[in-house]
Amino acid sequence: MDGFCNIAEALLRECGAINNTVFSEKCPRNCSANKVFSTRTSACPATCATTEQLCPYTGCISGCQCPDDKVLHNGLCINRQTCPCSYQGKYYPSGHSIKQDCNNCTCNGGKWSCTSKQCNAVCKVLGDRYYTTFDKLDYKVKAVCAVTLLTVSPPSNQTDDPFTIKSELVDTGTHRNYGRKIVIHYKGVTLTLGTNSQVYLGSNQIALPFSSSGILVKKVSSQMIKVQLDNGVMLLRDSIKRVYIYVIPSLKFKTKGMCGTYNNNQKDDFVTYEGDIESNPVSFASKWKVSKSCTEVDFICS
């Protein structure tokens, strides 16, 4: 019988001359993990990761394979509807949901299905030299001069002073240990967050919480101060030089400054006030100096 089976297997591989069902009955093969034997098995079987793939071997081989209504995953044959989804090197079962920014993604038969909400963007300023733009471009520059972190283009029919958030490193006198001062100019009002958690409206120190002219300032923890503006900008600042600036989706294409252009394109994040694009952090930061008298050498590229 072995001789018949070997000949029949060769014929099936080449041209399918013998019915595969007859072959299975006359020459049974044992397969594990709920697989079935076939003389015309693909060298690149369907898996949860892919249903169609380029296969370097176009012929057929004999062996165990998944039934036609199942796919291969980790050596087992499973229904495609139960395939897990992969994210950052981990597998999640079908039906599992994860958070992606402000959107929810649900695993559905091996594929992620995500909601498509427009999310807020965040600009980060960490320590005295680490920046991340709204478009998630990371760069380093120690801008000792006062610089503009963010300016937002006003509506064409608005003649108010432009909205800006400025930042300045202030030498505390202790081994060149810098503190960060934040100055917000909005609707003709100047709000200053000092290096030691003091908050000033103009030249007057104010107690928190404070609310006036579309500005809300309050402490959200022992070290963190939150500033909420009614134009959709929110700022968080702590006492160890960490600043987070959040903008709503309607401000897309309207921002400039050290936080970059909010348009999902990192290539133009180093745009200047004049509209030119700089090629490096030092040149970029120098174009956003608040005072022209501040010397270029104060910008220390790290």
Protein backbone atom coordinates (compact mmCIF):
# COMPACT_ATOMS: atom_id res chain seq x y z
CA MET A 1 0.00 0.00 0.00
CA ASP A 2 2.90 2.34 0.69
CA GLY A 3 4.02 2.09 -2.93
CA PHE A 4 0.53 3.02 -4.18
CA CYS A 5 0.34 5.94 -1.76
CA ASN A 6 3.72 7.32 -2.79
CA ILE A 7 2.80 7.16 -6.51
CA ALA A 8 -0.65 8.63 -5.90
CA GLU A 9 0.82 11.44 -3.83
CA ALA A 10 3.25 12.32 -6.63
CA LEU A 11 0.44 12.33 -9.22
CA LEU A 12 -1.74 14.54 -7.06
CA ARG A 13 1.06 17.02 -6.56
CA GLU A 14 1.75 17.27 -10.27
CA CYS A 15 -1.71 17.26 -11.84
CA GLY A 16 -4.35 16.22 -9.37
CA ALA A 17 -4.94 13.01 -11.37
CA ILE A 18 -6.34 11.16 -8.38
CA ASN A 19 -9.23 12.48 -6.32
CA ASN A 20 -7.83 13.91 -3.06
CA THR A 21 -10.75 12.45 -1.06
CA VAL A 22 -10.02 8.94 -2.40
CA PHE A 23 -6.35 9.44 -1.53
CA SER A 24 -7.22 10.49 2.02
CA GLU A 25 -9.33 7.37 2.50
CA LYS A 26 -6.78 4.93 1.02
CA CYS A 27 -3.66 6.62 2.41
CA PRO A 28 -4.52 8.38 5.68
CA ARG A 29 -1.98 10.77 7.23
CA ASN A 30 -2.03 11.95 10.84
CA CYS A 31 -2.00 15.73 11.39
CA SER A 32 -1.93 17.54 14.70
CA ALA A 33 -3.48 20.81 15.86
CA ASN A 34 -6.76 20.34 13.92
CA LYS A 35 -4.95 20.38 10.55
CA VAL A 36 -5.78 18.14 7.59
CA PHE A 37 -3.42 16.41 5.19
CA SER A 38 -3.26 17.46 1.54
CA THR A 39 -0.98 16.59 -1.34
CA ARG A 40 -1.42 20.09 -2.78
CA THR A 41 -0.60 22.31 0.20
CA SER A 42 0.55 25.87 -0.39
CA ALA A 43 4.10 26.66 0.70
CA CYS A 44 2.77 30.02 2.01
CA PRO A 45 -0.47 29.24 3.87
CA ALA A 46 -2.98 31.90 4.87
CA THR A 47 -2.41 33.25 8.40
CA CYS A 48 -4.03 35.82 10.66
CA ALA A 49 -1.41 38.30 9.49
CA THR A 50 -2.21 37.91 5.79
CA THR A 51 -4.57 36.15 3.42
CA GLU A 52 -2.55 36.74 0.26
CA GLN A 53 1.21 37.00 0.14
CA LEU A 54 3.92 36.73 -2.47
CA CYS A 55 5.24 33.20 -2.28
CA PRO A 56 8.67 32.41 -3.75
CA TYR A 57 7.58 28.80 -4.36
CA THR A 58 4.71 28.45 -6.84
CA GLY A 59 4.35 24.66 -6.78
CA CYS A 60 2.46 22.46 -4.35
CA ILE A 61 3.84 20.31 -1.57
CA SER A 62 2.44 17.50 0.53
CA GLY A 63 1.70 18.14 4.16
CA CYS A 64 -0.70 19.19 6.84
CA GLN A 65 -2.66 22.39 6.34
CA CYS A 66 -5.60 24.24 7.82
CA PRO A 67 -9.07 23.49 6.46
CA ASP A 68 -10.24 25.96 3.81
CA ASP A 69 -12.41 27.89 6.29
CA LYS A 70 -9.58 28.47 8.78
CA VAL A 71 -6.23 30.27 8.94
CA LEU A 72 -2.97 29.55 10.74
CA HIS A 73 -1.96 31.36 13.93
CA ASN A 74 0.81 30.24 16.29
CA GLY A 75 0.69 26.74 14.83
CA LEU A 76 -3.09 26.36 15.26
CA CYS A 77 -5.95 26.59 12.77
CA ILE A 78 -8.55 29.13 13.88
CA ASN A 79 -11.52 31.00 12.39
CA ARG A 80 -10.46 34.29 10.85
CA GLN A 81 -13.14 36.06 12.92
CA THR A 82 -11.22 35.11 16.08
CA CYS A 83 -7.79 36.29 14.85
CA PRO A 84 -6.01 38.57 17.33
CA CYS A 85 -4.59 41.98 16.42
CA SER A 86 -0.98 43.07 16.85
CA TYR A 87 0.08 46.39 18.39
CA GLN A 88 3.60 47.31 19.50
CA GLY A 89 4.70 43.70 19.58
CA LYS A 90 1.75 42.42 21.61
CA TYR A 91 -1.33 40.49 20.52
CA TYR A 92 -4.84 41.46 21.61
CA PRO A 93 -7.87 39.15 21.22
CA SER A 94 -10.67 39.91 18.79
CA GLY A 95 -13.12 42.29 20.47
CA HIS A 96 -10.43 44.00 22.60
CA SER A 97 -10.26 47.82 22.50
CA ILE A 98 -7.32 50.16 23.03
CA LYS A 99 -7.01 53.94 23.21
CA GLN A 100 -5.17 55.86 20.49
CA ASP A 101 -5.03 59.52 21.52
CA CYS A 102 -8.72 60.46 21.70
CA ASN A 103 -9.85 57.55 19.50
CA ASN A 104 -10.88 53.98 20.34
CA CYS A 105 -9.58 51.06 18.26
CA THR A 106 -11.27 47.65 18.40
CA CYS A 107 -9.77 44.40 17.16
CA ASN A 108 -12.07 42.78 14.61
CA GLY A 109 -10.90 39.50 13.09
CA GLY A 110 -7.21 40.43 13.01
CA LYS A 111 -7.72 44.04 11.90
CA TRP A 112 -7.99 47.21 13.98
CA SER A 113 -11.08 49.33 13.43
CA CYS A 114 -10.68 52.85 14.84
CA THR A 115 -12.91 55.86 15.35
CA SER A 116 -11.80 58.96 13.46
CA LYS A 117 -12.21 61.85 15.87
CA GLN A 118 -9.95 64.89 15.48
CA CYS A 119 -7.75 64.93 18.60
CA ASN A 120 -6.16 67.79 20.49
CA ALA A 121 -2.45 68.26 19.78
CA VAL A 122 0.18 68.86 22.44
CA CYS A 123 3.49 70.73 22.41
CA LYS A 124 5.99 69.81 25.13
CA VAL A 125 8.85 71.83 26.59
CA LEU A 126 10.84 69.75 29.06
CA GLY A 127 13.77 70.97 31.11
CA ASP A 128 15.86 73.73 29.55
CA ARG A 129 16.32 72.28 26.05
CA TYR A 130 13.89 69.52 25.04
CA TYR A 131 11.02 70.40 22.68
CA THR A 132 8.30 68.36 20.97
CA THR A 133 6.14 70.16 18.41
CA PHE A 134 2.41 69.70 17.83
CA ASP A 135 3.36 67.42 14.94
CA LYS A 136 5.54 65.31 17.31
CA LEU A 137 8.92 66.49 16.04
CA ASP A 138 11.55 66.22 18.80
CA TYR A 139 14.47 68.64 18.88
CA LYS A 140 16.94 70.12 21.36
CA VAL A 141 18.08 73.69 21.77
CA LYS A 142 18.87 75.70 24.89
CA ALA A 143 17.14 78.98 24.13
CA VAL A 144 18.32 81.31 26.91
CA CYS A 145 16.73 84.30 25.19
CA ALA A 146 12.99 84.82 25.55
CA VAL A 147 11.29 83.06 22.64
CA THR A 148 7.76 82.68 21.31
CA LEU A 149 6.47 79.17 21.96
CA LEU A 150 3.13 79.73 20.25
CA THR A 151 1.31 82.36 18.28
CA VAL A 152 -2.09 81.76 16.72
CA SER A 153 -3.33 83.55 13.63
CA PRO A 154 -6.46 85.58 14.52
CA PRO A 155 -9.59 85.55 12.31
CA SER A 156 -9.33 87.94 9.36
CA ASN A 157 -12.05 90.18 10.84
CA GLN A 158 -10.34 90.44 14.25
CA THR A 159 -8.09 93.39 15.04
CA ASP A 160 -7.11 92.39 18.61
CA ASP A 161 -3.48 92.04 19.62
CA PRO A 162 -2.11 88.68 18.47
CA PHE A 163 -2.25 85.83 20.97
CA THR A 164 1.17 84.59 22.08
CA ILE A 165 2.78 82.31 24.65
CA LYS A 166 6.40 83.22 25.35
CA SER A 167 9.06 81.48 27.38
CA GLU A 168 12.26 82.66 29.00
CA LEU A 169 14.94 80.82 30.96
CA VAL A 170 15.79 82.77 34.10
CA ASP A 171 19.11 82.19 35.86
CA THR A 172 18.31 81.49 39.52
CA GLY A 173 21.94 82.17 40.48
CA THR A 174 22.62 78.61 41.62
CA HIS A 175 25.25 77.02 39.36
CA ARG A 176 23.48 78.26 36.21
CA ASN A 177 20.33 76.49 37.31
CA TYR A 178 17.62 77.95 35.09
CA GLY A 179 13.96 78.38 35.90
CA ARG A 180 11.36 78.88 33.17
CA LYS A 181 9.07 81.92 33.07
CA ILE A 182 5.96 81.79 30.88
CA VAL A 183 4.24 84.91 29.56
CA ILE A 184 0.79 84.68 27.95
CA HIS A 185 -0.59 87.64 26.03
CA TYR A 186 -4.30 87.27 25.29
CA LYS A 187 -7.08 89.79 24.60
CA GLY A 188 -4.88 92.67 25.71
CA VAL A 189 -4.08 90.98 29.03
CA THR A 190 -0.61 89.78 30.05
CA LEU A 191 -0.43 86.77 32.36
CA THR A 192 2.95 85.68 33.74
CA LEU A 193 3.80 82.38 35.40
CA GLY A 194 6.94 82.98 37.45
CA THR A 195 9.71 80.54 38.26
CA ASN A 196 8.44 79.86 41.79
CA SER A 197 4.75 79.29 41.04
CA GLN A 198 3.86 82.96 41.33
CA VAL A 199 1.21 84.19 38.90
CA TYR A 200 0.95 87.82 37.79
CA LEU A 201 -1.71 89.73 35.91
CA GLY A 202 0.22 92.62 34.47
CA SER A 203 2.54 93.61 37.32
CA ASN A 204 0.21 92.47 40.11
CA GLN A 205 0.53 89.06 41.74
CA ILE A 206 -2.80 87.22 41.88
CA ALA A 207 -4.19 84.42 44.01
CA LEU A 208 -5.55 81.23 42.49
CA PRO A 209 -8.02 80.26 41.22
CA PHE A 210 -8.45 83.26 38.96
CA SER A 211 -10.92 83.89 36.14
CA SER A 212 -11.30 86.91 33.88
CA SER A 213 -11.49 87.90 30.18
CA GLY A 214 -11.62 84.37 28.82
CA ILE A 215 -8.76 83.19 31.06
CA LEU A 216 -9.04 80.60 33.83
CA VAL A 217 -6.01 79.89 36.02
CA LYS A 218 -5.94 77.33 38.81
CA LYS A 219 -3.72 74.86 40.58
CA VAL A 220 -4.44 71.25 39.67
CA SER A 221 -1.80 69.78 42.01
CA SER A 222 0.80 70.96 44.48
CA GLN A 223 3.20 71.69 41.59
CA MET A 224 1.05 71.99 38.47
CA ILE A 225 -0.73 75.16 37.29
CA LYS A 226 -3.34 75.04 34.55
CA VAL A 227 -4.25 77.95 32.28
CA GLN A 228 -7.38 77.51 30.14
CA LEU A 229 -8.14 80.07 27.42
CA ASP A 230 -11.48 80.37 25.67
CA ASN A 231 -9.80 80.13 22.24
CA GLY A 232 -9.20 76.40 22.77
CA VAL A 233 -5.65 76.58 24.14
CA MET A 234 -4.72 75.00 27.47
CA LEU A 235 -1.35 75.21 29.21
CA LEU A 236 0.03 73.11 32.06
CA ARG A 237 3.21 74.26 33.83
CA ASP A 238 4.95 72.76 36.84
CA SER A 239 7.75 73.96 39.08
CA ILE A 240 10.46 71.84 37.40
CA LYS A 241 10.41 73.44 33.95
CA ARG A 242 7.86 71.18 32.27
CA VAL A 243 5.36 72.92 30.00
CA TYR A 244 2.54 71.29 28.03
CA ILE A 245 0.46 73.33 25.56
CA TYR A 246 -2.71 71.75 24.15
CA VAL A 247 -4.61 73.09 21.13
CA ILE A 248 -7.97 71.99 19.73
CA PRO A 249 -8.37 70.69 16.12
CA SER A 250 -9.96 73.95 14.90
CA LEU A 251 -6.55 75.63 15.40
CA LYS A 252 -4.91 73.36 12.83
CA PHE A 253 -2.95 75.33 10.19
CA LYS A 254 -3.04 78.43 12.44
CA THR A 255 -0.04 77.98 14.76
CA LYS A 256 3.58 79.11 14.57
CA GLY A 257 6.46 79.40 17.02
CA MET A 258 8.77 76.98 18.81
CA CYS A 259 5.81 74.57 19.00
CA GLY A 260 5.75 74.39 15.21
CA THR A 261 2.97 74.34 12.67
CA TYR A 262 0.03 72.16 13.63
CA ASN A 263 -0.71 70.49 10.29
CA ASN A 264 0.52 66.87 10.61
CA ASN A 265 3.63 67.73 8.60
CA GLN A 266 6.94 67.77 10.48
CA LYS A 267 8.85 69.10 7.45
CA ASP A 268 7.61 72.67 7.97
CA ASP A 269 7.71 72.76 11.78
CA PHE A 270 10.78 75.03 11.69
CA VAL A 271 8.87 77.81 9.92
CA THR A 272 9.71 81.36 10.97
CA TYR A 273 7.42 84.31 11.59
CA GLU A 274 8.20 85.49 8.05
CA GLY A 275 7.25 82.11 6.58
CA ASP A 276 10.76 80.82 5.83
CA ILE A 277 11.73 77.28 6.91
CA GLU A 278 14.99 76.89 8.86
CA SER A 279 17.11 73.75 8.66
CA ASN A 280 18.33 73.43 12.27
CA PRO A 281 17.08 74.16 15.82
CA VAL A 282 19.55 77.00 16.53
CA SER A 283 18.61 79.03 13.45
CA PHE A 284 14.95 78.28 14.07
CA ALA A 285 15.05 79.38 17.72
CA SER A 286 16.96 82.55 16.85
CA LYS A 287 14.12 83.61 14.53
CA TRP A 288 11.62 83.35 17.39
CA LYS A 289 13.55 85.61 19.80
CA VAL A 290 11.32 88.13 21.50
CA SER A 291 14.09 90.74 21.67
CA LYS A 292 16.47 91.31 18.78
CA SER A 293 19.06 92.59 21.28
CA CYS A 294 19.42 89.10 22.72
CA THR A 295 22.60 87.73 21.13
CA GLU A 296 22.72 84.66 18.92
CA VAL A 297 25.41 83.05 21.12
CA ASP A 298 22.82 82.54 23.85
CA PHE A 299 21.32 79.74 21.77
CA ILE A 300 23.28 76.67 22.74
CA CYS A 301 22.67 73.72 20.44
CA SER A 302 22.71 70.49 22.43
